[in-house]
């Protein structure tokens, strides 16, 4: 149960309820997170509308966004986000076990070379953004435009925000979660 109440979506005005429905898929995903953030309506409106717009424009492949989100969530031990995003990678050919072991990316059998760069970059942005090596950026830029690098960095950083938001307010705490001991730990970069 969250530390603050979840606002009832039935009480939302039509425009806000429409955003809730579009973002949560009719209340099936992240409804509790949205209903808590709705206490600060401008935040909910702008963040969720922006995420929907980014998804719709497909500036960065769904595979890479979801992979980065799972990596950040594993690093931050946000089981709510891991539980909600890891299954989305199965559509992209990455098993649940493979998703839970993304931090051990170097020899990961389900990852392409581009996937490995994305995982390495997500780890670097999350753990030590001030020490990202030029060679990593060079490898990233070999596959992504500047706009895509900016968007990927934004999505990685936002995931860190959502991890902390969920953890601080105990969103999804009553859900079954993957214990932190079941996920691999990152290698040093």
N, C-alpha and C. Protein backbone atom coordinates (compact mmCIF):
# COMPACT_ATOMS: atom_id res chain seq x y z
N UNK A 1 0.84 -1.18 0.00
CA UNK A 1 0.00 0.00 0.00
C UNK A 1 0.89 1.25 0.00
N UNK A 2 0.62 2.20 -0.88
CA UNK A 2 1.44 3.42 -0.91
C UNK A 2 1.33 4.21 0.39
N UNK A 3 2.34 5.01 0.65
CA UNK A 3 2.38 5.85 1.86
C UNK A 3 1.41 7.01 1.79
N UNK A 4 0.95 7.34 0.60
CA UNK A 4 -0.09 8.36 0.43
C UNK A 4 -1.23 7.71 -0.34
N UNK A 5 -2.41 8.30 -0.23
CA UNK A 5 -3.58 7.69 -0.87
C UNK A 5 -3.49 7.76 -2.39
N UNK A 6 -4.12 6.78 -3.02
CA UNK A 6 -4.28 6.78 -4.47
C UNK A 6 -5.58 7.51 -4.77
N UNK A 7 -5.51 8.54 -5.58
CA UNK A 7 -6.74 9.24 -5.95
C UNK A 7 -7.56 8.34 -6.87
N UNK A 8 -8.86 8.39 -6.71
CA UNK A 8 -9.76 7.55 -7.49
C UNK A 8 -9.89 8.12 -8.90
N UNK A 9 -9.51 7.35 -9.93
CA UNK A 9 -9.62 7.84 -11.31
C UNK A 9 -11.04 8.26 -11.69
N UNK A 10 -12.04 7.71 -11.02
CA UNK A 10 -13.42 8.11 -11.29
C UNK A 10 -13.65 9.58 -10.95
N UNK A 11 -12.80 10.14 -10.08
CA UNK A 11 -12.94 11.55 -9.70
C UNK A 11 -12.21 12.50 -10.65
N UNK A 12 -11.46 11.97 -11.60
CA UNK A 12 -10.71 12.81 -12.53
C UNK A 12 -11.66 13.45 -13.54
N UNK A 13 -11.34 14.69 -13.95
CA UNK A 13 -12.13 15.31 -15.01
C UNK A 13 -11.87 14.54 -16.32
N UNK A 14 -12.71 14.71 -17.34
CA UNK A 14 -12.59 13.90 -18.55
C UNK A 14 -11.20 13.93 -19.22
N UNK A 15 -10.58 15.08 -19.29
CA UNK A 15 -9.27 15.18 -19.95
C UNK A 15 -8.20 14.41 -19.16
N UNK A 16 -8.22 14.56 -17.84
CA UNK A 16 -7.24 13.88 -16.99
C UNK A 16 -7.52 12.38 -16.97
N UNK A 17 -8.78 12.01 -16.95
CA UNK A 17 -9.15 10.59 -16.98
C UNK A 17 -8.72 9.96 -18.30
N UNK A 18 -8.82 10.71 -19.39
CA UNK A 18 -8.37 10.21 -20.69
C UNK A 18 -6.87 9.93 -20.66
N UNK A 19 -6.09 10.84 -20.07
CA UNK A 19 -4.65 10.62 -19.93
C UNK A 19 -4.38 9.38 -19.08
N UNK A 20 -5.10 9.25 -17.98
CA UNK A 20 -4.97 8.06 -17.13
C UNK A 20 -5.24 6.79 -17.94
N UNK A 21 -6.32 6.77 -18.67
CA UNK A 21 -6.70 5.59 -19.47
C UNK A 21 -5.65 5.26 -20.52
N UNK A 22 -5.17 6.29 -21.22
CA UNK A 22 -4.17 6.06 -22.27
C UNK A 22 -2.85 5.58 -21.68
N UNK A 23 -2.43 6.17 -20.56
CA UNK A 23 -1.13 5.80 -19.99
C UNK A 23 -1.18 4.42 -19.34
N UNK A 24 -2.26 4.13 -18.64
CA UNK A 24 -2.33 2.88 -17.88
C UNK A 24 -2.96 1.74 -18.66
N UNK A 25 -3.36 1.99 -19.90
CA UNK A 25 -4.02 0.93 -20.65
C UNK A 25 -5.34 0.55 -20.02
N UNK A 26 -6.09 1.53 -19.59
CA UNK A 26 -7.37 1.27 -18.96
C UNK A 26 -7.26 0.83 -17.51
N UNK A 27 -6.15 1.16 -16.88
CA UNK A 27 -5.96 0.83 -15.47
C UNK A 27 -5.21 -0.46 -15.23
N UNK A 28 -4.60 -1.03 -16.27
CA UNK A 28 -3.92 -2.31 -16.10
C UNK A 28 -2.44 -2.17 -15.75
N UNK A 29 -1.79 -1.07 -16.07
CA UNK A 29 -0.37 -0.91 -15.77
C UNK A 29 -0.10 0.47 -15.18
N UNK A 30 0.57 0.52 -14.08
CA UNK A 30 0.99 1.76 -13.43
C UNK A 30 -0.17 2.63 -12.96
N UNK A 31 -1.35 2.05 -12.78
CA UNK A 31 -2.50 2.82 -12.31
C UNK A 31 -2.25 3.36 -10.91
N UNK A 32 -1.62 2.56 -10.05
CA UNK A 32 -1.34 3.02 -8.69
C UNK A 32 -0.34 4.17 -8.70
N UNK A 33 0.68 4.07 -9.54
CA UNK A 33 1.67 5.15 -9.63
C UNK A 33 1.01 6.44 -10.13
N UNK A 34 0.22 6.35 -11.18
CA UNK A 34 -0.47 7.51 -11.72
C UNK A 34 -1.40 8.12 -10.67
N UNK A 35 -2.15 7.26 -9.97
CA UNK A 35 -3.12 7.73 -8.98
C UNK A 35 -2.47 8.40 -7.78
N UNK A 36 -1.23 8.04 -7.49
CA UNK A 36 -0.49 8.74 -6.43
C UNK A 36 0.07 10.05 -6.97
N UNK A 37 0.68 10.02 -8.15
CA UNK A 37 1.24 11.25 -8.71
C UNK A 37 0.16 12.27 -9.02
N UNK A 38 -1.07 11.83 -9.19
CA UNK A 38 -2.18 12.73 -9.49
C UNK A 38 -2.40 13.77 -8.38
N UNK A 39 -1.84 13.54 -7.20
CA UNK A 39 -1.90 14.56 -6.14
C UNK A 39 -1.23 15.85 -6.59
N UNK A 40 -0.27 15.74 -7.49
CA UNK A 40 0.40 16.91 -8.05
C UNK A 40 0.10 16.88 -9.55
N UNK A 41 -1.08 17.33 -9.87
CA UNK A 41 -1.59 17.18 -11.24
C UNK A 41 -0.65 17.67 -12.33
N UNK A 42 0.00 18.83 -12.20
CA UNK A 42 0.90 19.26 -13.28
C UNK A 42 2.02 18.24 -13.55
N UNK A 43 2.51 17.63 -12.49
CA UNK A 43 3.56 16.61 -12.67
C UNK A 43 3.00 15.42 -13.43
N UNK A 44 1.84 14.93 -13.02
CA UNK A 44 1.24 13.78 -13.69
C UNK A 44 0.91 14.11 -15.14
N UNK A 45 0.31 15.27 -15.37
CA UNK A 45 -0.04 15.64 -16.74
C UNK A 45 1.18 15.70 -17.64
N UNK A 46 2.20 16.39 -17.20
CA UNK A 46 3.36 16.61 -18.07
C UNK A 46 4.22 15.35 -18.23
N UNK A 47 4.48 14.66 -17.14
CA UNK A 47 5.33 13.47 -17.23
C UNK A 47 4.67 12.37 -18.05
N UNK A 48 3.43 12.05 -17.75
CA UNK A 48 2.78 10.95 -18.46
C UNK A 48 2.47 11.30 -19.91
N UNK A 49 2.07 12.55 -20.17
CA UNK A 49 1.83 12.96 -21.56
C UNK A 49 3.14 12.92 -22.35
N UNK A 50 4.24 13.35 -21.72
CA UNK A 50 5.53 13.31 -22.39
C UNK A 50 5.94 11.87 -22.70
N UNK A 51 5.76 10.96 -21.74
CA UNK A 51 6.12 9.56 -21.99
C UNK A 51 5.29 8.96 -23.12
N UNK A 52 4.01 9.29 -23.17
CA UNK A 52 3.17 8.81 -24.27
C UNK A 52 3.62 9.38 -25.61
N UNK A 53 3.98 10.65 -25.61
CA UNK A 53 4.45 11.28 -26.85
C UNK A 53 5.77 10.68 -27.32
N UNK A 54 6.68 10.45 -26.39
CA UNK A 54 7.96 9.83 -26.76
C UNK A 54 7.74 8.43 -27.33
N UNK A 55 6.86 7.68 -26.70
CA UNK A 55 6.57 6.33 -27.19
C UNK A 55 5.97 6.38 -28.59
N UNK A 56 5.05 7.31 -28.82
CA UNK A 56 4.37 7.42 -30.11
C UNK A 56 5.31 7.83 -31.23
N UNK A 57 6.28 8.68 -30.93
CA UNK A 57 7.17 9.15 -31.99
C UNK A 57 8.25 8.15 -32.34
N UNK A 58 8.47 7.16 -31.47
CA UNK A 58 9.41 6.08 -31.73
C UNK A 58 10.80 6.58 -32.13
N UNK A 59 11.28 7.60 -31.43
CA UNK A 59 12.62 8.12 -31.70
C UNK A 59 13.71 7.12 -31.35
N UNK A 60 13.47 6.34 -30.32
CA UNK A 60 14.38 5.27 -29.91
C UNK A 60 13.56 3.98 -29.87
N UNK A 61 14.11 2.93 -30.41
CA UNK A 61 13.42 1.64 -30.46
C UNK A 61 12.89 1.24 -29.08
N UNK A 62 11.67 0.69 -29.08
CA UNK A 62 11.03 0.19 -27.86
C UNK A 62 11.97 -0.77 -27.13
N UNK A 63 12.66 -1.62 -27.86
CA UNK A 63 13.59 -2.60 -27.27
C UNK A 63 14.63 -1.89 -26.41
N UNK A 64 15.25 -0.85 -26.94
CA UNK A 64 16.32 -0.17 -26.21
C UNK A 64 15.78 0.61 -25.01
N UNK A 65 14.62 1.22 -25.16
CA UNK A 65 14.02 1.95 -24.03
C UNK A 65 13.70 0.98 -22.90
N UNK A 66 13.01 -0.10 -23.21
CA UNK A 66 12.64 -1.06 -22.17
C UNK A 66 13.87 -1.71 -21.55
N UNK A 67 14.87 -2.00 -22.36
CA UNK A 67 16.10 -2.59 -21.85
C UNK A 67 16.77 -1.62 -20.86
N UNK A 68 16.85 -0.36 -21.24
CA UNK A 68 17.46 0.65 -20.36
C UNK A 68 16.66 0.80 -19.07
N UNK A 69 15.34 0.80 -19.16
CA UNK A 69 14.48 0.93 -17.98
C UNK A 69 14.70 -0.25 -17.02
N UNK A 70 14.78 -1.44 -17.57
CA UNK A 70 15.00 -2.61 -16.70
C UNK A 70 16.39 -2.54 -16.07
N UNK A 71 17.40 -2.14 -16.82
CA UNK A 71 18.76 -2.03 -16.27
C UNK A 71 18.78 -1.04 -15.11
N UNK A 72 18.23 0.15 -15.31
CA UNK A 72 18.21 1.16 -14.25
C UNK A 72 17.44 0.65 -13.04
N UNK A 73 16.32 0.01 -13.28
CA UNK A 73 15.49 -0.50 -12.18
C UNK A 73 16.19 -1.62 -11.42
N UNK A 74 16.95 -2.45 -12.13
CA UNK A 74 17.75 -3.48 -11.44
C UNK A 74 18.82 -2.82 -10.57
N UNK A 75 19.50 -1.84 -11.13
CA UNK A 75 20.55 -1.15 -10.36
C UNK A 75 19.99 -0.49 -9.11
N UNK A 76 18.82 0.12 -9.25
CA UNK A 76 18.19 0.82 -8.12
C UNK A 76 17.32 -0.09 -7.26
N UNK A 77 17.29 -1.36 -7.61
CA UNK A 77 16.51 -2.36 -6.88
C UNK A 77 15.05 -1.95 -6.72
N UNK A 78 14.48 -1.42 -7.81
CA UNK A 78 13.07 -1.06 -7.82
C UNK A 78 12.30 -2.24 -8.41
N UNK A 79 11.85 -3.11 -7.54
CA UNK A 79 11.18 -4.33 -7.99
C UNK A 79 9.86 -4.02 -8.70
N UNK A 80 9.20 -2.95 -8.32
CA UNK A 80 7.96 -2.55 -8.99
C UNK A 80 8.22 -2.32 -10.48
N UNK A 81 9.27 -1.56 -10.79
CA UNK A 81 9.57 -1.26 -12.19
C UNK A 81 10.11 -2.49 -12.92
N UNK A 82 10.94 -3.29 -12.26
CA UNK A 82 11.43 -4.51 -12.88
C UNK A 82 10.24 -5.42 -13.21
N UNK A 83 9.35 -5.60 -12.26
CA UNK A 83 8.20 -6.47 -12.47
C UNK A 83 7.29 -5.98 -13.60
N UNK A 84 7.19 -4.66 -13.77
CA UNK A 84 6.32 -4.11 -14.80
C UNK A 84 6.99 -4.00 -16.16
N UNK A 85 8.31 -3.88 -16.20
CA UNK A 85 8.99 -3.68 -17.49
C UNK A 85 9.68 -4.93 -18.03
N UNK A 86 10.18 -5.81 -17.19
CA UNK A 86 10.88 -7.01 -17.68
C UNK A 86 10.01 -7.84 -18.62
N UNK A 87 8.73 -8.05 -18.32
CA UNK A 87 7.90 -8.84 -19.25
C UNK A 87 7.77 -8.21 -20.64
N UNK A 88 7.90 -6.91 -20.72
CA UNK A 88 7.80 -6.23 -22.01
C UNK A 88 8.95 -6.59 -22.94
N UNK A 89 10.06 -7.02 -22.35
CA UNK A 89 11.20 -7.42 -23.17
C UNK A 89 10.99 -8.77 -23.85
N UNK A 90 10.05 -9.57 -23.34
CA UNK A 90 9.79 -10.86 -23.98
C UNK A 90 9.30 -10.68 -25.41
N UNK A 91 8.58 -9.58 -25.67
CA UNK A 91 8.14 -9.26 -27.02
C UNK A 91 9.34 -8.99 -27.92
N UNK A 92 10.42 -8.56 -27.31
CA UNK A 92 11.64 -8.23 -28.04
C UNK A 92 12.63 -9.40 -28.06
N UNK A 93 12.20 -10.57 -27.61
CA UNK A 93 13.05 -11.75 -27.68
C UNK A 93 13.98 -11.97 -26.50
N UNK A 94 13.74 -11.26 -25.41
CA UNK A 94 14.56 -11.43 -24.22
C UNK A 94 13.70 -12.09 -23.15
N UNK A 95 14.13 -13.26 -22.69
CA UNK A 95 13.38 -14.01 -21.69
C UNK A 95 13.34 -13.28 -20.36
N UNK A 96 12.47 -13.71 -19.47
CA UNK A 96 12.40 -13.11 -18.12
C UNK A 96 13.75 -13.28 -17.43
N UNK A 97 14.32 -14.48 -17.51
CA UNK A 97 15.63 -14.71 -16.90
C UNK A 97 16.68 -13.80 -17.54
N UNK A 98 16.61 -13.68 -18.85
CA UNK A 98 17.54 -12.79 -19.55
C UNK A 98 17.39 -11.35 -19.11
N UNK A 99 16.15 -10.90 -18.90
CA UNK A 99 15.90 -9.53 -18.44
C UNK A 99 16.47 -9.32 -17.04
N UNK A 100 16.31 -10.32 -16.18
CA UNK A 100 16.80 -10.19 -14.80
C UNK A 100 18.32 -10.25 -14.72
N UNK A 101 18.97 -10.67 -15.80
CA UNK A 101 20.43 -10.78 -15.82
C UNK A 101 21.07 -9.78 -16.78
N UNK A 102 20.38 -8.71 -17.11
CA UNK A 102 20.93 -7.71 -18.02
C UNK A 102 22.21 -7.05 -17.50
N UNK A 103 22.35 -6.98 -16.18
CA UNK A 103 23.55 -6.33 -15.63
C UNK A 103 24.82 -7.13 -15.94
N UNK A 104 24.67 -8.38 -16.23
CA UNK A 104 25.80 -9.22 -16.63
C UNK A 104 25.78 -9.30 -18.16
N UNK A 105 25.93 -8.15 -18.80
CA UNK A 105 25.70 -8.01 -20.22
C UNK A 105 26.82 -8.50 -21.13
N UNK A 106 28.04 -8.52 -20.66
CA UNK A 106 29.18 -8.81 -21.53
C UNK A 106 29.05 -10.14 -22.27
N UNK A 107 28.61 -11.16 -21.58
CA UNK A 107 28.47 -12.49 -22.20
C UNK A 107 27.01 -12.92 -22.31
N UNK A 108 26.11 -11.98 -22.23
CA UNK A 108 24.67 -12.27 -22.25
C UNK A 108 24.30 -12.84 -23.63
N UNK A 109 23.79 -14.07 -23.68
CA UNK A 109 23.52 -14.72 -24.96
C UNK A 109 22.34 -14.15 -25.74
N UNK A 110 21.48 -13.39 -25.09
CA UNK A 110 20.29 -12.86 -25.76
C UNK A 110 20.49 -11.44 -26.28
N UNK A 111 21.66 -10.87 -26.06
CA UNK A 111 21.89 -9.48 -26.44
C UNK A 111 22.74 -9.35 -27.70
N UNK A 112 22.38 -8.38 -28.52
CA UNK A 112 23.18 -8.03 -29.69
C UNK A 112 24.28 -7.08 -29.25
N UNK A 113 25.26 -6.82 -30.10
CA UNK A 113 26.29 -5.82 -29.74
C UNK A 113 25.70 -4.44 -29.43
N UNK A 114 24.67 -4.03 -30.16
CA UNK A 114 24.04 -2.73 -29.87
C UNK A 114 23.35 -2.77 -28.51
N UNK A 115 22.67 -3.87 -28.21
CA UNK A 115 22.03 -4.03 -26.90
C UNK A 115 23.05 -3.84 -25.78
N UNK A 116 24.21 -4.43 -25.97
CA UNK A 116 25.25 -4.36 -24.93
C UNK A 116 25.74 -2.93 -24.71
N UNK A 117 25.81 -2.16 -25.78
CA UNK A 117 26.20 -0.75 -25.64
C UNK A 117 25.11 0.00 -24.88
N UNK A 118 23.85 -0.27 -25.18
CA UNK A 118 22.74 0.38 -24.48
C UNK A 118 22.78 0.04 -22.99
N UNK A 119 22.98 -1.22 -22.67
CA UNK A 119 23.05 -1.64 -21.27
C UNK A 119 24.24 -0.97 -20.58
N UNK A 120 25.38 -0.99 -21.21
CA UNK A 120 26.57 -0.36 -20.62
C UNK A 120 26.34 1.13 -20.39
N UNK A 121 25.69 1.79 -21.34
CA UNK A 121 25.41 3.22 -21.20
C UNK A 121 24.40 3.47 -20.07
N UNK A 122 23.37 2.65 -19.98
CA UNK A 122 22.39 2.82 -18.89
C UNK A 122 23.05 2.65 -17.53
N UNK A 123 23.96 1.70 -17.42
CA UNK A 123 24.69 1.51 -16.16
C UNK A 123 25.54 2.74 -15.87
N UNK A 124 26.24 3.23 -16.87
CA UNK A 124 27.13 4.39 -16.67
C UNK A 124 26.34 5.64 -16.27
N UNK A 125 25.22 5.90 -16.95
CA UNK A 125 24.41 7.07 -16.63
C UNK A 125 23.87 6.97 -15.20
N UNK A 126 23.50 5.78 -14.79
CA UNK A 126 22.92 5.58 -13.46
C UNK A 126 23.96 5.62 -12.35
N UNK A 127 25.12 5.03 -12.59
CA UNK A 127 26.12 4.91 -11.53
C UNK A 127 27.10 6.08 -11.44
N UNK A 128 27.55 6.57 -12.57
CA UNK A 128 28.57 7.62 -12.53
C UNK A 128 28.53 8.44 -13.82
N UNK A 129 27.48 9.24 -14.00
CA UNK A 129 27.35 9.99 -15.25
C UNK A 129 28.50 10.97 -15.51
N UNK A 130 29.12 11.44 -14.45
CA UNK A 130 30.22 12.38 -14.61
C UNK A 130 31.50 11.70 -15.09
N UNK A 131 31.52 10.36 -15.11
CA UNK A 131 32.74 9.64 -15.52
C UNK A 131 32.53 8.77 -16.76
N UNK A 132 31.55 9.10 -17.57
CA UNK A 132 31.33 8.31 -18.78
C UNK A 132 32.50 8.55 -19.73
N UNK A 133 33.08 7.47 -20.16
CA UNK A 133 34.26 7.55 -21.03
C UNK A 133 33.87 7.91 -22.46
N UNK A 134 34.76 8.65 -23.12
CA UNK A 134 34.53 9.05 -24.51
C UNK A 134 34.36 7.83 -25.41
N UNK A 135 35.08 6.76 -25.14
CA UNK A 135 34.98 5.58 -26.01
C UNK A 135 33.58 4.96 -25.93
N UNK A 136 32.92 5.03 -24.80
CA UNK A 136 31.55 4.54 -24.70
C UNK A 136 30.62 5.42 -25.54
N UNK A 137 30.81 6.73 -25.46
CA UNK A 137 29.99 7.64 -26.26
C UNK A 137 30.23 7.42 -27.75
N UNK A 138 31.45 7.16 -28.13
CA UNK A 138 31.77 6.88 -29.54
C UNK A 138 31.04 5.63 -30.01
N UNK A 139 31.05 4.58 -29.19
CA UNK A 139 30.35 3.35 -29.55
C UNK A 139 28.84 3.58 -29.61
N UNK A 140 28.30 4.38 -28.70
CA UNK A 140 26.88 4.68 -28.69
C UNK A 140 26.50 5.48 -29.95
N UNK A 141 27.30 6.48 -30.28
CA UNK A 141 27.02 7.33 -31.44
C UNK A 141 27.17 6.59 -32.77
N UNK A 142 27.84 5.47 -32.76
CA UNK A 142 27.95 4.67 -33.98
C UNK A 142 26.60 4.07 -34.37
N UNK A 143 25.67 4.01 -33.41
CA UNK A 143 24.37 3.39 -33.65
C UNK A 143 23.19 4.33 -33.46
N UNK A 144 23.42 5.47 -32.82
CA UNK A 144 22.32 6.37 -32.48
C UNK A 144 22.65 7.80 -32.89
N UNK A 145 21.63 8.51 -33.37
CA UNK A 145 21.80 9.92 -33.70
C UNK A 145 21.92 10.72 -32.41
N UNK A 146 22.28 11.99 -32.53
CA UNK A 146 22.36 12.84 -31.34
C UNK A 146 21.00 12.94 -30.64
N UNK A 147 19.93 13.07 -31.43
CA UNK A 147 18.59 13.15 -30.84
C UNK A 147 18.27 11.85 -30.08
N UNK A 148 18.67 10.73 -30.63
CA UNK A 148 18.42 9.45 -29.96
C UNK A 148 19.26 9.32 -28.69
N UNK A 149 20.48 9.81 -28.70
CA UNK A 149 21.32 9.78 -27.49
C UNK A 149 20.68 10.63 -26.41
N UNK A 150 20.18 11.79 -26.79
CA UNK A 150 19.51 12.67 -25.82
C UNK A 150 18.27 11.98 -25.27
N UNK A 151 17.46 11.40 -26.14
CA UNK A 151 16.23 10.73 -25.67
C UNK A 151 16.55 9.53 -24.80
N UNK A 152 17.53 8.73 -25.19
CA UNK A 152 17.91 7.57 -24.38
C UNK A 152 18.39 8.02 -23.00
N UNK A 153 19.19 9.08 -22.97
CA UNK A 153 19.68 9.61 -21.69
C UNK A 153 18.52 10.13 -20.84
N UNK A 154 17.57 10.79 -21.48
CA UNK A 154 16.38 11.28 -20.78
C UNK A 154 15.60 10.12 -20.19
N UNK A 155 15.38 9.07 -20.98
CA UNK A 155 14.60 7.93 -20.50
C UNK A 155 15.31 7.21 -19.35
N UNK A 156 16.62 7.09 -19.43
CA UNK A 156 17.40 6.47 -18.35
C UNK A 156 17.27 7.31 -17.08
N UNK A 157 17.43 8.61 -17.22
CA UNK A 157 17.36 9.51 -16.06
C UNK A 157 15.97 9.54 -15.45
N UNK A 158 14.95 9.59 -16.29
CA UNK A 158 13.57 9.56 -15.79
C UNK A 158 13.27 8.27 -15.06
N UNK A 159 13.82 7.17 -15.55
CA UNK A 159 13.59 5.89 -14.87
C UNK A 159 14.14 5.96 -13.45
N UNK A 160 15.31 6.56 -13.28
CA UNK A 160 15.86 6.73 -11.94
C UNK A 160 14.92 7.52 -11.05
N UNK A 161 14.33 8.57 -11.60
CA UNK A 161 13.35 9.35 -10.86
C UNK A 161 12.17 8.47 -10.45
N UNK A 162 11.59 7.75 -11.42
CA UNK A 162 10.43 6.92 -11.11
C UNK A 162 10.78 5.82 -10.10
N UNK A 163 11.97 5.25 -10.19
CA UNK A 163 12.39 4.26 -9.19
C UNK A 163 12.33 4.86 -7.80
N UNK A 164 12.91 6.02 -7.63
CA UNK A 164 12.96 6.65 -6.31
C UNK A 164 11.57 7.09 -5.84
N UNK A 165 10.77 7.60 -6.75
CA UNK A 165 9.40 8.00 -6.44
C UNK A 165 8.62 6.79 -5.91
N UNK A 166 8.70 5.68 -6.64
CA UNK A 166 7.98 4.47 -6.24
C UNK A 166 8.48 3.93 -4.90
N UNK A 167 9.79 3.91 -4.73
CA UNK A 167 10.36 3.37 -3.50
C UNK A 167 10.04 4.25 -2.30
N UNK A 168 10.20 5.55 -2.43
CA UNK A 168 9.95 6.46 -1.30
C UNK A 168 8.49 6.41 -0.85
N UNK A 169 7.58 6.30 -1.80
CA UNK A 169 6.16 6.29 -1.47
C UNK A 169 5.59 4.88 -1.39
N UNK A 170 6.45 3.89 -1.50
CA UNK A 170 6.08 2.46 -1.40
C UNK A 170 4.96 2.08 -2.37
N UNK A 171 5.08 2.56 -3.59
CA UNK A 171 4.11 2.19 -4.62
C UNK A 171 4.45 0.79 -5.10
N UNK A 172 3.45 -0.06 -5.10
CA UNK A 172 3.65 -1.44 -5.53
C UNK A 172 4.26 -2.34 -4.48
N UNK A 173 4.37 -1.88 -3.26
CA UNK A 173 4.99 -2.68 -2.19
C UNK A 173 4.21 -3.93 -1.86
N UNK A 174 2.91 -3.92 -2.09
CA UNK A 174 2.12 -5.10 -1.78
C UNK A 174 2.13 -6.12 -2.91
N UNK A 175 2.77 -5.78 -4.03
CA UNK A 175 2.89 -6.72 -5.15
C UNK A 175 3.99 -7.72 -4.87
N UNK A 176 3.92 -8.87 -5.53
CA UNK A 176 5.02 -9.83 -5.43
C UNK A 176 6.18 -9.27 -6.23
N UNK A 177 7.34 -9.32 -5.66
CA UNK A 177 8.51 -8.72 -6.30
C UNK A 177 9.66 -9.69 -6.32
N UNK A 178 10.59 -9.42 -7.21
CA UNK A 178 11.80 -10.22 -7.32
C UNK A 178 12.76 -9.76 -6.24
N UNK A 179 13.15 -10.65 -5.32
CA UNK A 179 14.11 -10.23 -4.31
C UNK A 179 15.42 -9.79 -4.96
N UNK A 180 16.03 -8.77 -4.40
CA UNK A 180 17.27 -8.22 -4.96
C UNK A 180 18.35 -9.28 -5.11
N UNK A 181 18.31 -10.31 -4.29
CA UNK A 181 19.33 -11.36 -4.36
C UNK A 181 19.21 -12.22 -5.60
N UNK A 182 18.06 -12.15 -6.30
CA UNK A 182 17.87 -12.96 -7.50
C UNK A 182 18.37 -12.30 -8.76
N UNK A 183 18.78 -11.05 -8.70
CA UNK A 183 19.26 -10.38 -9.90
C UNK A 183 20.77 -10.26 -9.84
N UNK A 184 21.39 -10.29 -11.01
CA UNK A 184 22.86 -10.22 -11.05
C UNK A 184 23.29 -8.79 -10.70
N UNK A 185 24.49 -8.67 -10.23
CA UNK A 185 25.05 -7.37 -9.88
C UNK A 185 25.89 -6.85 -11.04
N UNK A 186 25.97 -5.54 -11.20
CA UNK A 186 26.69 -4.97 -12.34
C UNK A 186 28.19 -5.16 -12.21
N UNK A 187 28.80 -5.22 -13.36
CA UNK A 187 30.26 -5.22 -13.41
C UNK A 187 30.71 -3.77 -13.43
N UNK A 188 31.91 -3.52 -12.98
CA UNK A 188 32.45 -2.16 -13.02
C UNK A 188 32.66 -1.73 -14.45
N UNK A 189 32.48 -0.46 -14.67
CA UNK A 189 32.69 0.09 -16.01
C UNK A 189 34.02 0.79 -16.05
